[in-house]
Amino acid sequence: MNNLVTVVIPTYKRPNQLKRAIDSCLSQTYSNVEIIVVDDNSPETEYRKTTKEIMRLYNNENIKYIQHDKNRNGSAARNTGLANANGKYITFVDDDDILYQEKLAKQVTILDHSDIQIGGVTCGYEYLRNDVRCKVNYPIKSGNMQKDIFLIEWATGSSSAPLYKTEAMRRINGYDENFTRLQDWEMLIRFFELYSMEMIDEVLIAVDKDDRQNEYNIQRIIDMDRLYIDKYKDIIHRYGSEYADEVTRTQHLFIAVKAYKVGKPNIALNYTSKASAIKSLTLKERSVFLLYMIYSILPFKVFLSNVFGKIIEHIKFKKI
């Protein structure tokens, strides 16, 4: 079998990285691929102009270029790609990520021989800083990881890692466009209500950590986290009150880490205190937050991030 694979690449404010992402898709050993680039830049911006110039470089009937009439958000861009997909399988590739050559071939092999309960297959990934590997990570296990997602103990690591059955993504209605952040977590909760995920214990993508133009603001993270937890409170409580407390604590720690990373130590301390009120911080967690606190108050953050990036990426309070 040689089933068509649709690669959706939403792009926003990263035209310089886009070409590398497209080229990595064109370099796959699996050749039956269509690429849909969804331009979510506002039409009047330089980003849109530059993106259009890059897309003119490709005279390939297997590449579609779709332009939004306004900036709609990443979830909407992924849904635009899903709506226009012809492939039996589909993957959503971030515009600054790199697919290694065997990724699609290995994942298609898994899905071609999977049963109806399997909706997708993911893989290991690595983080790059200045083109140097700073972290390697793998999904912890295959199966149904809904409980693990709430506790941030399992994740795809990047939108680019999984290859899904297109019918599965359409059955769950794709991404919730109310979510401008945490959209992958939100989607996967619904995905695991119906399907399981296989995994390949091998690094098949690279996530570029150098370009962070599209980084979050902390208030948006807080708002999206509240929306996420509120939307799925019934599912969370399905697993018991003790589990629900642990989810709340984990999400507080998640916000604290994000706040430290964007230089908001007061917000970070507030959410660390909230987490501690549920359960005291472990020694490892205390050590990690001390590191983040020091990082948040020091100057030259770009320099520190490059020099100490490997340490920062490896020392986490959770497994992912």
C-alpha atoms as a PDB file:
ATOM      1  CA  MET A   1       0.000   0.000   0.000  1.00  0.00           C
ATOM      2  CA  ASN A   2       1.110   3.546  -0.698  1.00  0.00           C
ATOM      3  CA  ASN A   3      -1.439   5.685   1.112  1.00  0.00           C
ATOM      4  CA  LEU A   4      -1.320   9.444   0.696  1.00  0.00           C
ATOM      5  CA  VAL A   5       0.003  11.430   3.665  1.00  0.00           C
ATOM      6  CA  THR A   6      -1.038  15.048   4.188  1.00  0.00           C
ATOM      7  CA  VAL A   7       1.481  17.307   5.907  1.00  0.00           C
ATOM      8  CA  VAL A   8      -0.088  20.494   7.250  1.00  0.00           C
ATOM      9  CA  ILE A   9       2.339  23.324   8.040  1.00  0.00           C
ATOM     10  CA  PRO A  10       0.684  26.279   9.776  1.00  0.00           C
ATOM     11  CA  THR A  11       2.972  29.294   9.596  1.00  0.00           C
ATOM     12  CA  TYR A  12       2.976  32.524  11.562  1.00  0.00           C
ATOM     13  CA  LYS A  13       5.814  35.069  11.849  1.00  0.00           C
ATOM     14  CA  ARG A  14       8.531  32.546  10.945  1.00  0.00           C
ATOM     15  CA  PRO A  15       9.105  32.806   7.193  1.00  0.00           C
ATOM     16  CA  ASN A  16      12.843  32.206   7.571  1.00  0.00           C
ATOM     17  CA  GLN A  17      12.280  28.836   9.219  1.00  0.00           C
ATOM     18  CA  LEU A  18       9.431  27.792   6.924  1.00  0.00           C
ATOM     19  CA  LYS A  19      11.594  26.783   3.959  1.00  0.00           C
ATOM     20  CA  ARG A  20      13.627  24.395   6.104  1.00  0.00           C
ATOM     21  CA  ALA A  21      10.432  22.739   7.379  1.00  0.00           C
ATOM     22  CA  ILE A  22       9.042  22.339   3.855  1.00  0.00           C
ATOM     23  CA  ASP A  23      12.320  20.971   2.527  1.00  0.00           C
ATOM     24  CA  SER A  24      12.462  18.390   5.323  1.00  0.00           C
ATOM     25  CA  CYS A  25       9.004  17.190   4.236  1.00  0.00           C
ATOM     26  CA  LEU A  26      10.064  17.023   0.592  1.00  0.00           C
ATOM     27  CA  SER A  27      13.128  14.985   1.592  1.00  0.00           C
ATOM     28  CA  GLN A  28      11.118  12.124   3.091  1.00  0.00           C
ATOM     29  CA  THR A  29      11.871   8.625   1.868  1.00  0.00           C
ATOM     30  CA  TYR A  30       8.101   8.150   1.767  1.00  0.00           C
ATOM     31  CA  SER A  31       7.142   9.895  -1.459  1.00  0.00           C
ATOM     32  CA  ASN A  32       3.332   9.895  -1.568  1.00  0.00           C
ATOM     33  CA  VAL A  33       2.961  13.173   0.306  1.00  0.00           C
ATOM     34  CA  GLU A  34       0.946  16.336  -0.153  1.00  0.00           C
ATOM     35  CA  ILE A  35       1.984  19.475   1.729  1.00  0.00           C
ATOM     36  CA  ILE A  36      -0.504  22.140   2.772  1.00  0.00           C
ATOM     37  CA  VAL A  37       1.043  25.388   3.996  1.00  0.00           C
ATOM     38  CA  VAL A  38      -1.515  27.511   5.855  1.00  0.00           C
ATOM     39  CA  ASP A  39      -0.412  31.139   6.117  1.00  0.00           C
ATOM     40  CA  ASP A  40      -1.909  32.618   9.291  1.00  0.00           C
ATOM     41  CA  ASN A  41      -0.113  35.959   9.003  1.00  0.00           C
ATOM     42  CA  SER A  42      -2.254  39.057   8.593  1.00  0.00           C
ATOM     43  CA  PRO A  43      -2.378  39.998   4.887  1.00  0.00           C
ATOM     44  CA  GLU A  44      -0.889  43.468   5.324  1.00  0.00           C
ATOM     45  CA  THR A  45       2.225  42.349   7.228  1.00  0.00           C
ATOM     46  CA  GLU A  46       5.798  41.849   6.052  1.00  0.00           C
ATOM     47  CA  TYR A  47       5.534  38.279   7.311  1.00  0.00           C
ATOM     48  CA  ARG A  48       2.808  37.573   4.750  1.00  0.00           C
ATOM     49  CA  LYS A  49       4.841  39.217   1.997  1.00  0.00           C
ATOM     50  CA  THR A  50       7.968  37.233   2.823  1.00  0.00           C
ATOM     51  CA  THR A  51       6.026  33.991   3.167  1.00  0.00           C
ATOM     52  CA  LYS A  52       4.473  34.483  -0.271  1.00  0.00           C
ATOM     53  CA  GLU A  53       7.945  35.035  -1.744  1.00  0.00           C
ATOM     54  CA  ILE A  54       9.161  31.788  -0.196  1.00  0.00           C
ATOM     55  CA  MET A  55       6.185  29.857  -1.522  1.00  0.00           C
ATOM     56  CA  ARG A  56       6.912  31.099  -5.067  1.00  0.00           C
ATOM     57  CA  LEU A  57      10.125  29.047  -4.899  1.00  0.00           C
ATOM     58  CA  TYR A  58       8.076  25.846  -5.023  1.00  0.00           C
ATOM     59  CA  ASN A  59       6.634  24.811  -8.363  1.00  0.00           C
ATOM     60  CA  ASN A  60       5.229  21.541  -7.112  1.00  0.00           C
ATOM     61  CA  GLU A  61       1.703  20.281  -7.686  1.00  0.00           C
ATOM     62  CA  ASN A  62       1.849  18.437  -4.364  1.00  0.00           C
ATOM     63  CA  ILE A  63       2.202  21.684  -2.395  1.00  0.00           C
ATOM     64  CA  LYS A  64      -0.884  23.771  -1.626  1.00  0.00           C
ATOM     65  CA  TYR A  65      -0.579  27.297  -0.268  1.00  0.00           C
ATOM     66  CA  ILE A  66      -3.624  28.596   1.615  1.00  0.00           C
ATOM     67  CA  GLN A  67      -3.739  32.152   2.966  1.00  0.00           C
ATOM     68  CA  HIS A  68      -6.046  33.166   5.792  1.00  0.00           C
ATOM     69  CA  ASP A  69      -7.811  36.493   5.297  1.00  0.00           C
ATOM     70  CA  LYS A  70      -6.685  37.472   8.803  1.00  0.00           C
ATOM     71  CA  ASN A  71      -4.676  36.049  11.683  1.00  0.00           C
ATOM     72  CA  ARG A  72      -6.973  33.411  13.198  1.00  0.00           C
ATOM     73  CA  ASN A  73      -4.607  31.365  15.470  1.00  0.00           C
ATOM     74  CA  GLY A  74      -2.766  28.069  15.273  1.00  0.00           C
ATOM     75  CA  SER A  75      -5.774  25.884  15.993  1.00  0.00           C
ATOM     76  CA  ALA A  76      -7.718  27.474  13.136  1.00  0.00           C
ATOM     77  CA  ALA A  77      -4.742  27.065  10.784  1.00  0.00           C
ATOM     78  CA  ARG A  78      -4.512  23.362  11.600  1.00  0.00           C
ATOM     79  CA  ASN A  79      -8.233  22.986  11.004  1.00  0.00           C
ATOM     80  CA  THR A  80      -7.909  24.705   7.628  1.00  0.00           C
ATOM     81  CA  GLY A  81      -5.300  22.124   6.692  1.00  0.00           C
ATOM     82  CA  LEU A  82      -7.472  19.284   7.961  1.00  0.00           C
ATOM     83  CA  ALA A  83     -10.448  20.537   5.930  1.00  0.00           C
ATOM     84  CA  ASN A  84      -8.358  20.549   2.749  1.00  0.00           C
ATOM     85  CA  ALA A  85      -6.524  17.267   3.351  1.00  0.00           C
ATOM     86  CA  ASN A  86      -6.794  14.400   0.870  1.00  0.00           C
ATOM     87  CA  GLY A  87      -4.494  11.984   2.674  1.00  0.00           C
ATOM     88  CA  LYS A  88      -5.486   8.876   4.591  1.00  0.00           C
ATOM     89  CA  TYR A  89      -2.993  10.022   7.209  1.00  0.00           C
ATOM     90  CA  ILE A  90      -2.212  13.521   8.425  1.00  0.00           C
ATOM     91  CA  THR A  91       0.497  15.262  10.443  1.00  0.00           C
ATOM     92  CA  PHE A  92       0.720  18.849  11.658  1.00  0.00           C
ATOM     93  CA  VAL A  93       4.258  20.200  11.382  1.00  0.00           C
ATOM     94  CA  ASP A  94       5.349  23.363  13.180  1.00  0.00           C
ATOM     95  CA  ASP A  95       7.004  25.795  10.809  1.00  0.00           C
ATOM     96  CA  ASP A  96      10.312  25.753  12.710  1.00  0.00           C
ATOM     97  CA  ASP A  97      10.592  21.963  13.115  1.00  0.00           C
ATOM     98  CA  ILE A  98      12.534  19.454  11.030  1.00  0.00           C
ATOM     99  CA  LEU A  99      11.349  16.003   9.985  1.00  0.00           C
ATOM    100  CA  TYR A 100      14.103  13.451   9.616  1.00  0.00           C
ATOM    101  CA  GLN A 101      13.977  11.488   6.372  1.00  0.00           C
ATOM    102  CA  GLU A 102      12.538   8.195   7.651  1.00  0.00           C
ATOM    103  CA  LYS A 103       9.809   9.712   9.849  1.00  0.00           C
ATOM    104  CA  LEU A 104       6.774   9.321   7.624  1.00  0.00           C
ATOM    105  CA  ALA A 105       7.836   5.976   6.175  1.00  0.00           C
ATOM    106  CA  LYS A 106       8.209   4.405   9.609  1.00  0.00           C
ATOM    107  CA  GLN A 107       4.974   5.870  10.917  1.00  0.00           C
ATOM    108  CA  VAL A 108       2.964   4.883   7.836  1.00  0.00           C
ATOM    109  CA  THR A 109       4.161   1.294   8.253  1.00  0.00           C
ATOM    110  CA  ILE A 110       2.772   1.258  11.792  1.00  0.00           C
ATOM    111  CA  LEU A 111      -0.602   2.741  10.831  1.00  0.00           C
ATOM    112  CA  ASP A 112      -0.993   0.551   7.750  1.00  0.00           C
ATOM    113  CA  HIS A 113      -0.934  -2.482  10.039  1.00  0.00           C
ATOM    114  CA  SER A 114      -2.898  -1.043  12.959  1.00  0.00           C
ATOM    115  CA  ASP A 115      -6.413  -1.867  14.080  1.00  0.00           C
ATOM    116  CA  ILE A 116      -9.374   0.495  14.266  1.00  0.00           C
ATOM    117  CA  GLN A 117      -8.652   1.449  17.899  1.00  0.00           C
ATOM    118  CA  ILE A 118      -5.326   3.048  16.946  1.00  0.00           C
ATOM    119  CA  GLY A 119      -5.743   6.663  15.835  1.00  0.00           C
ATOM    120  CA  GLY A 120      -2.129   7.683  15.463  1.00  0.00           C
ATOM    121  CA  VAL A 121       1.544   7.021  16.054  1.00  0.00           C
ATOM    122  CA  THR A 122       4.116   9.329  17.604  1.00  0.00           C
ATOM    123  CA  CYS A 123       7.901   9.274  17.957  1.00  0.00           C
ATOM    124  CA  GLY A 124      10.893  10.577  19.839  1.00  0.00           C
ATOM    125  CA  TYR A 125      12.185  14.086  19.283  1.00  0.00           C
ATOM    126  CA  GLU A 126      15.200  16.204  20.083  1.00  0.00           C
ATOM    127  CA  TYR A 127      15.667  19.861  20.902  1.00  0.00           C
ATOM    128  CA  LEU A 128      18.312  21.849  19.057  1.00  0.00           C
ATOM    129  CA  ARG A 129      20.047  25.045  20.152  1.00  0.00           C
ATOM    130  CA  ASN A 130      22.411  26.577  17.599  1.00  0.00           C
ATOM    131  CA  ASP A 131      22.053  23.301  15.651  1.00  0.00           C
ATOM    132  CA  VAL A 132      23.415  21.350  18.639  1.00  0.00           C
ATOM    133  CA  ARG A 133      21.330  18.701  20.383  1.00  0.00           C
ATOM    134  CA  CYS A 134      20.420  19.885  23.892  1.00  0.00           C
ATOM    135  CA  LYS A 135      17.766  17.318  24.820  1.00  0.00           C
ATOM    136  CA  VAL A 136      16.394  14.012  23.586  1.00  0.00           C
ATOM    137  CA  ASN A 137      12.957  12.858  24.664  1.00  0.00           C
ATOM    138  CA  TYR A 138      10.552  10.048  23.951  1.00  0.00           C
ATOM    139  CA  PRO A 139       6.904   9.458  24.762  1.00  0.00           C
ATOM    140  CA  ILE A 140       6.813   7.304  27.885  1.00  0.00           C
ATOM    141  CA  LYS A 141       4.557   4.610  26.490  1.00  0.00           C
ATOM    142  CA  SER A 142       1.936   3.763  23.917  1.00  0.00           C
ATOM    143  CA  GLY A 143      -1.756   3.170  24.539  1.00  0.00           C
ATOM    144  CA  ASN A 144      -4.319   5.550  26.039  1.00  0.00           C
ATOM    145  CA  MET A 145      -2.513   8.387  27.806  1.00  0.00           C
ATOM    146  CA  GLN A 146      -5.418  10.616  28.786  1.00  0.00           C
ATOM    147  CA  LYS A 147      -4.635  10.430  32.522  1.00  0.00           C
ATOM    148  CA  ASP A 148      -0.973  11.068  31.862  1.00  0.00           C
ATOM    149  CA  ILE A 149      -1.623  14.198  29.789  1.00  0.00           C
ATOM    150  CA  PHE A 150      -3.423  15.952  32.636  1.00  0.00           C
ATOM    151  CA  LEU A 151      -0.409  15.247  34.863  1.00  0.00           C
ATOM    152  CA  ILE A 152       2.046  16.285  32.112  1.00  0.00           C
ATOM    153  CA  GLU A 153       3.631  12.841  32.318  1.00  0.00           C
ATOM    154  CA  TRP A 154       3.103  12.106  28.629  1.00  0.00           C
ATOM    155  CA  ALA A 155       3.145  14.407  25.648  1.00  0.00           C
ATOM    156  CA  THR A 156       3.997  14.339  21.985  1.00  0.00           C
ATOM    157  CA  GLY A 157       6.663  16.998  22.652  1.00  0.00           C
ATOM    158  CA  SER A 158       5.769  18.789  19.478  1.00  0.00           C
ATOM    159  CA  SER A 159       2.769  18.989  17.184  1.00  0.00           C
ATOM    160  CA  SER A 160       5.106  17.596  14.539  1.00  0.00           C
ATOM    161  CA  ALA A 161       5.673  14.222  16.215  1.00  0.00           C
ATOM    162  CA  PRO A 162       2.398  12.317  15.685  1.00  0.00           C
ATOM    163  CA  LEU A 163       0.991  10.988  12.442  1.00  0.00           C
ATOM    164  CA  TYR A 164      -2.775  10.597  12.742  1.00  0.00           C
ATOM    165  CA  LYS A 165      -5.415   8.763  10.782  1.00  0.00           C
ATOM    166  CA  THR A 166      -7.276  11.578   9.045  1.00  0.00           C
ATOM    167  CA  GLU A 167     -10.634   9.976   9.799  1.00  0.00           C
ATOM    168  CA  ALA A 168      -9.763  10.027  13.508  1.00  0.00           C
ATOM    169  CA  MET A 169      -8.941  13.736  13.446  1.00  0.00           C
ATOM    170  CA  ARG A 170     -12.166  14.491  11.602  1.00  0.00           C
ATOM    171  CA  ARG A 171     -14.197  12.357  13.979  1.00  0.00           C
ATOM    172  CA  ILE A 172     -13.023  14.470  16.947  1.00  0.00           C
ATOM    173  CA  ASN A 173     -13.561  17.675  14.911  1.00  0.00           C
ATOM    174  CA  GLY A 174      -9.913  18.650  14.853  1.00  0.00           C
ATOM    175  CA  TYR A 175      -8.691  21.435  17.121  1.00  0.00           C
ATOM    176  CA  ASP A 176     -10.780  23.646  19.393  1.00  0.00           C
ATOM    177  CA  GLU A 177     -10.257  27.150  17.995  1.00  0.00           C
ATOM    178  CA  ASN A 178     -10.991  28.720  21.376  1.00  0.00           C
ATOM    179  CA  PHE A 179      -7.547  27.536  22.458  1.00  0.00           C
ATOM    180  CA  THR A 180      -4.699  29.799  21.396  1.00  0.00           C
ATOM    181  CA  ARG A 181      -2.327  27.842  23.660  1.00  0.00           C
ATOM    182  CA  LEU A 182      -2.415  24.279  25.024  1.00  0.00           C
ATOM    183  CA  GLN A 183      -4.267  23.286  21.854  1.00  0.00           C
ATOM    184  CA  ASP A 184      -2.408  19.986  21.542  1.00  0.00           C
ATOM    185  CA  TRP A 185      -3.249  18.922  25.096  1.00  0.00           C
ATOM    186  CA  GLU A 186      -6.867  19.896  24.596  1.00  0.00           C
ATOM    187  CA  MET A 187      -7.147  17.972  21.342  1.00  0.00           C
ATOM    188  CA  LEU A 188      -5.438  14.877  22.736  1.00  0.00           C
ATOM    189  CA  ILE A 189      -7.874  14.632  25.651  1.00  0.00           C
ATOM    190  CA  ARG A 190     -10.681  14.252  23.110  1.00  0.00           C
ATOM    191  CA  PHE A 191      -8.547  11.987  20.936  1.00  0.00           C
ATOM    192  CA  PHE A 192      -7.971   9.563  23.807  1.00  0.00           C
ATOM    193  CA  GLU A 193     -11.687   9.396  24.541  1.00  0.00           C
ATOM    194  CA  LEU A 194     -11.930   7.359  21.327  1.00  0.00           C
ATOM    195  CA  TYR A 195      -8.465   6.156  20.301  1.00  0.00           C
ATOM    196  CA  SER A 196      -5.082   4.923  21.444  1.00  0.00           C
ATOM    197  CA  MET A 197      -1.638   5.979  20.208  1.00  0.00           C
ATOM    198  CA  GLU A 198       1.293   3.848  19.100  1.00  0.00           C
ATOM    199  CA  MET A 199       4.868   5.040  19.455  1.00  0.00           C
ATOM    200  CA  ILE A 200       8.208   4.577  17.725  1.00  0.00           C
ATOM    201  CA  ASP A 201      11.096   4.559  20.182  1.00  0.00           C
ATOM    202  CA  GLU A 202      13.336   6.610  17.925  1.00  0.00           C
ATOM    203  CA  VAL A 203      14.122  10.284  17.349  1.00  0.00           C
ATOM    204  CA  LEU A 204      12.468  11.271  14.073  1.00  0.00           C
ATOM    205  CA  ILE A 205      12.061  15.060  14.414  1.00  0.00           C
ATOM    206  CA  ALA A 206      14.036  18.060  15.659  1.00  0.00           C
ATOM    207  CA  VAL A 207      12.478  20.992  17.500  1.00  0.00           C
ATOM    208  CA  ASP A 208      14.336  24.266  17.027  1.00  0.00           C
ATOM    209  CA  LYS A 209      14.631  26.081  20.362  1.00  0.00           C
ATOM    210  CA  ASP A 210      16.474  29.113  18.973  1.00  0.00           C
ATOM    211  CA  ASP A 211      13.608  30.979  17.339  1.00  0.00           C
ATOM    212  CA  ARG A 212      10.960  31.928  19.890  1.00  0.00           C
ATOM    213  CA  GLN A 213       9.208  34.807  18.132  1.00  0.00           C
ATOM    214  CA  ASN A 214       5.862  33.186  18.766  1.00  0.00           C
ATOM    215  CA  GLU A 215       6.416  32.705  22.518  1.00  0.00           C
ATOM    216  CA  TYR A 216       3.514  33.024  24.875  1.00  0.00           C
ATOM    217  CA  ASN A 217       2.559  35.753  27.278  1.00  0.00           C
ATOM    218  CA  ILE A 218       1.944  34.433  30.745  1.00  0.00           C
ATOM    219  CA  GLN A 219      -1.585  35.785  31.146  1.00  0.00           C
ATOM    220  CA  ARG A 220      -2.667  33.921  28.036  1.00  0.00           C
ATOM    221  CA  ILE A 221      -1.177  30.719  29.443  1.00  0.00           C
ATOM    222  CA  ILE A 222      -3.096  31.249  32.696  1.00  0.00           C
ATOM    223  CA  ASP A 223      -6.341  31.947  30.830  1.00  0.00           C
ATOM    224  CA  MET A 224      -5.938  28.921  28.555  1.00  0.00           C
ATOM    225  CA  ASP A 225      -5.051  26.672  31.483  1.00  0.00           C
ATOM    226  CA  ARG A 226      -8.256  27.700  33.274  1.00  0.00           C
ATOM    227  CA  LEU A 227     -10.275  27.082  30.112  1.00  0.00           C
ATOM    228  CA  TYR A 228      -8.620  23.675  29.664  1.00  0.00           C
ATOM    229  CA  ILE A 229      -9.237  22.512  33.223  1.00  0.00           C
ATOM    230  CA  ASP A 230     -12.776  23.857  33.265  1.00  0.00           C
ATOM    231  CA  LYS A 231     -13.650  22.187  29.970  1.00  0.00           C
ATOM    232  CA  TYR A 232     -12.476  18.795  31.180  1.00  0.00           C
ATOM    233  CA  LYS A 233     -13.302  18.930  34.894  1.00  0.00           C
ATOM    234  CA  ASP A 234     -15.791  16.072  34.539  1.00  0.00           C
ATOM    235  CA  ILE A 235     -13.183  13.827  32.910  1.00  0.00           C
ATOM    236  CA  ILE A 236     -10.603  14.780  35.551  1.00  0.00           C
ATOM    237  CA  HIS A 237     -12.978  13.939  38.414  1.00  0.00           C
ATOM    238  CA  ARG A 238     -13.818  10.669  36.708  1.00  0.00           C
ATOM    239  CA  TYR A 239     -10.417   9.479  37.979  1.00  0.00           C
ATOM    240  CA  GLY A 240     -11.109  10.461  41.609  1.00  0.00           C
ATOM    241  CA  SER A 241     -10.629  13.418  43.958  1.00  0.00           C
ATOM    242  CA  GLU A 242      -7.006  12.593  44.804  1.00  0.00           C
ATOM    243  CA  TYR A 243      -6.136  12.540  41.121  1.00  0.00           C
ATOM    244  CA  ALA A 244      -7.990  15.854  40.607  1.00  0.00           C
ATOM    245  CA  ASP A 245      -5.881  17.479  43.358  1.00  0.00           C
ATOM    246  CA  GLU A 246      -2.716  16.215  41.711  1.00  0.00           C
ATOM    247  CA  VAL A 247      -3.837  17.636  38.356  1.00  0.00           C
ATOM    248  CA  THR A 248      -4.462  21.033  39.957  1.00  0.00           C
ATOM    249  CA  ARG A 249      -1.052  20.951  41.637  1.00  0.00           C
ATOM    250  CA  THR A 250       0.679  19.938  38.398  1.00  0.00           C
ATOM    251  CA  GLN A 251      -0.982  22.739  36.437  1.00  0.00           C
ATOM    252  CA  HIS A 252       0.079  25.284  39.100  1.00  0.00           C
ATOM    253  CA  LEU A 253       3.687  24.113  38.752  1.00  0.00           C
ATOM    254  CA  PHE A 254       3.404  24.270  34.973  1.00  0.00           C
ATOM    255  CA  ILE A 255       2.318  27.932  35.138  1.00  0.00           C
ATOM    256  CA  ALA A 256       5.086  28.691  37.641  1.00  0.00           C
ATOM    257  CA  VAL A 257       7.736  27.358  35.253  1.00  0.00           C
ATOM    258  CA  LYS A 258       6.324  29.378  32.370  1.00  0.00           C
ATOM    259  CA  ALA A 259       6.218  32.510  34.527  1.00  0.00           C
ATOM    260  CA  TYR A 260       9.862  32.127  35.504  1.00  0.00           C
ATOM    261  CA  LYS A 261      10.839  31.628  31.879  1.00  0.00           C
ATOM    262  CA  VAL A 262       9.282  34.940  30.842  1.00  0.00           C
ATOM    263  CA  GLY A 263      10.694  36.857  33.803  1.00  0.00           C
ATOM    264  CA  LYS A 264       7.578  37.001  36.008  1.00  0.00           C
ATOM    265  CA  PRO A 265       8.909  35.683  39.355  1.00  0.00           C
ATOM    266  CA  ASN A 266       6.023  37.131  41.409  1.00  0.00           C
ATOM    267  CA  ILE A 267       3.486  35.151  39.384  1.00  0.00           C
ATOM    268  CA  ALA A 268       5.728  32.102  39.591  1.00  0.00           C
ATOM    269  CA  LEU A 269       5.993  32.335  43.373  1.00  0.00           C
ATOM    270  CA  ASN A 270       2.222  32.710  43.658  1.00  0.00           C
ATOM    271  CA  TYR A 271       1.561  29.526  41.701  1.00  0.00           C
ATOM    272  CA  THR A 272       4.362  27.663  43.470  1.00  0.00           C
ATOM    273  CA  SER A 273       2.670  28.543  46.771  1.00  0.00           C
ATOM    274  CA  LYS A 274      -0.668  27.295  45.445  1.00  0.00           C
ATOM    275  CA  ALA A 275       0.947  23.990  44.484  1.00  0.00           C
ATOM    276  CA  SER A 276       2.673  23.689  47.864  1.00  0.00           C
ATOM    277  CA  ALA A 277      -0.649  24.195  49.637  1.00  0.00           C
ATOM    278  CA  ILE A 278      -1.892  20.991  47.996  1.00  0.00           C
ATOM    279  CA  LYS A 279       1.314  19.042  48.583  1.00  0.00           C
ATOM    280  CA  SER A 280       4.778  20.172  49.677  1.00  0.00           C
ATOM    281  CA  LEU A 281       7.396  20.528  46.994  1.00  0.00           C
ATOM    282  CA  THR A 282       9.866  17.694  46.704  1.00  0.00           C
ATOM    283  CA  LEU A 283      13.587  18.352  46.986  1.00  0.00           C
ATOM    284  CA  LYS A 284      13.933  18.007  43.212  1.00  0.00           C
ATOM    285  CA  GLU A 285      11.113  20.469  42.606  1.00  0.00           C
ATOM    286  CA  ARG A 286      12.650  22.964  45.040  1.00  0.00           C
ATOM    287  CA  SER A 287      15.995  22.669  43.252  1.00  0.00           C
ATOM    288  CA  VAL A 288      14.425  23.206  39.860  1.00  0.00           C
ATOM    289  CA  PHE A 289      12.494  26.285  40.947  1.00  0.00           C
ATOM    290  CA  LEU A 290      15.589  27.764  42.569  1.00  0.00           C
ATOM    291  CA  LEU A 291      17.353  27.386  39.229  1.00  0.00           C
ATOM    292  CA  TYR A 292      14.473  29.060  37.420  1.00  0.00           C
ATOM    293  CA  MET A 293      14.353  31.883  39.984  1.00  0.00           C
ATOM    294  CA  ILE A 294      18.034  32.639  39.465  1.00  0.00           C
ATOM    295  CA  TYR A 295      17.575  32.505  35.707  1.00  0.00           C
ATOM    296  CA  SER A 296      14.596  34.885  35.823  1.00  0.00           C
ATOM    297  CA  ILE A 297      16.466  37.674  37.617  1.00  0.00           C
ATOM    298  CA  LEU A 298      19.762  37.526  35.736  1.00  0.00           C
ATOM    299  CA  PRO A 299      20.467  39.621  32.606  1.00  0.00           C
ATOM    300  CA  PHE A 300      21.672  38.269  29.243  1.00  0.00           C
ATOM    301  CA  LYS A 301      18.917  35.663  29.041  1.00  0.00           C
ATOM    302  CA  VAL A 302      19.596  34.766  25.412  1.00  0.00           C
ATOM    303  CA  PHE A 303      23.237  34.120  26.268  1.00  0.00           C
ATOM    304  CA  LEU A 304      22.329  32.131  29.385  1.00  0.00           C
ATOM    305  CA  SER A 305      19.742  30.156  27.456  1.00  0.00           C
ATOM    306  CA  ASN A 306      22.309  29.142  24.868  1.00  0.00           C
ATOM    307  CA  VAL A 307      25.042  28.337  27.380  1.00  0.00           C
ATOM    308  CA  PHE A 308      22.903  26.578  29.959  1.00  0.00           C
ATOM    309  CA  GLY A 309      20.108  25.418  27.698  1.00  0.00           C
ATOM    310  CA  LYS A 310      21.056  21.783  28.056  1.00  0.00           C
ATOM    311  CA  ILE A 311      20.857  21.990  31.842  1.00  0.00           C
ATOM    312  CA  ILE A 312      17.582  23.903  31.783  1.00  0.00           C
ATOM    313  CA  GLU A 313      15.986  21.411  29.388  1.00  0.00           C
ATOM    314  CA  HIS A 314      17.144  18.369  31.331  1.00  0.00           C
ATOM    315  CA  ILE A 315      16.237  19.413  34.863  1.00  0.00           C
ATOM    316  CA  LYS A 316      12.441  19.325  35.006  1.00  0.00           C
ATOM    317  CA  PHE A 317       9.992  18.706  37.788  1.00  0.00           C
ATOM    318  CA  LYS A 318       8.177  16.250  35.521  1.00  0.00           C
ATOM    319  CA  LYS A 319       9.296  13.611  33.042  1.00  0.00           C
ATOM    320  CA  ILE A 320       8.559  15.579  29.887  1.00  0.00           C
END
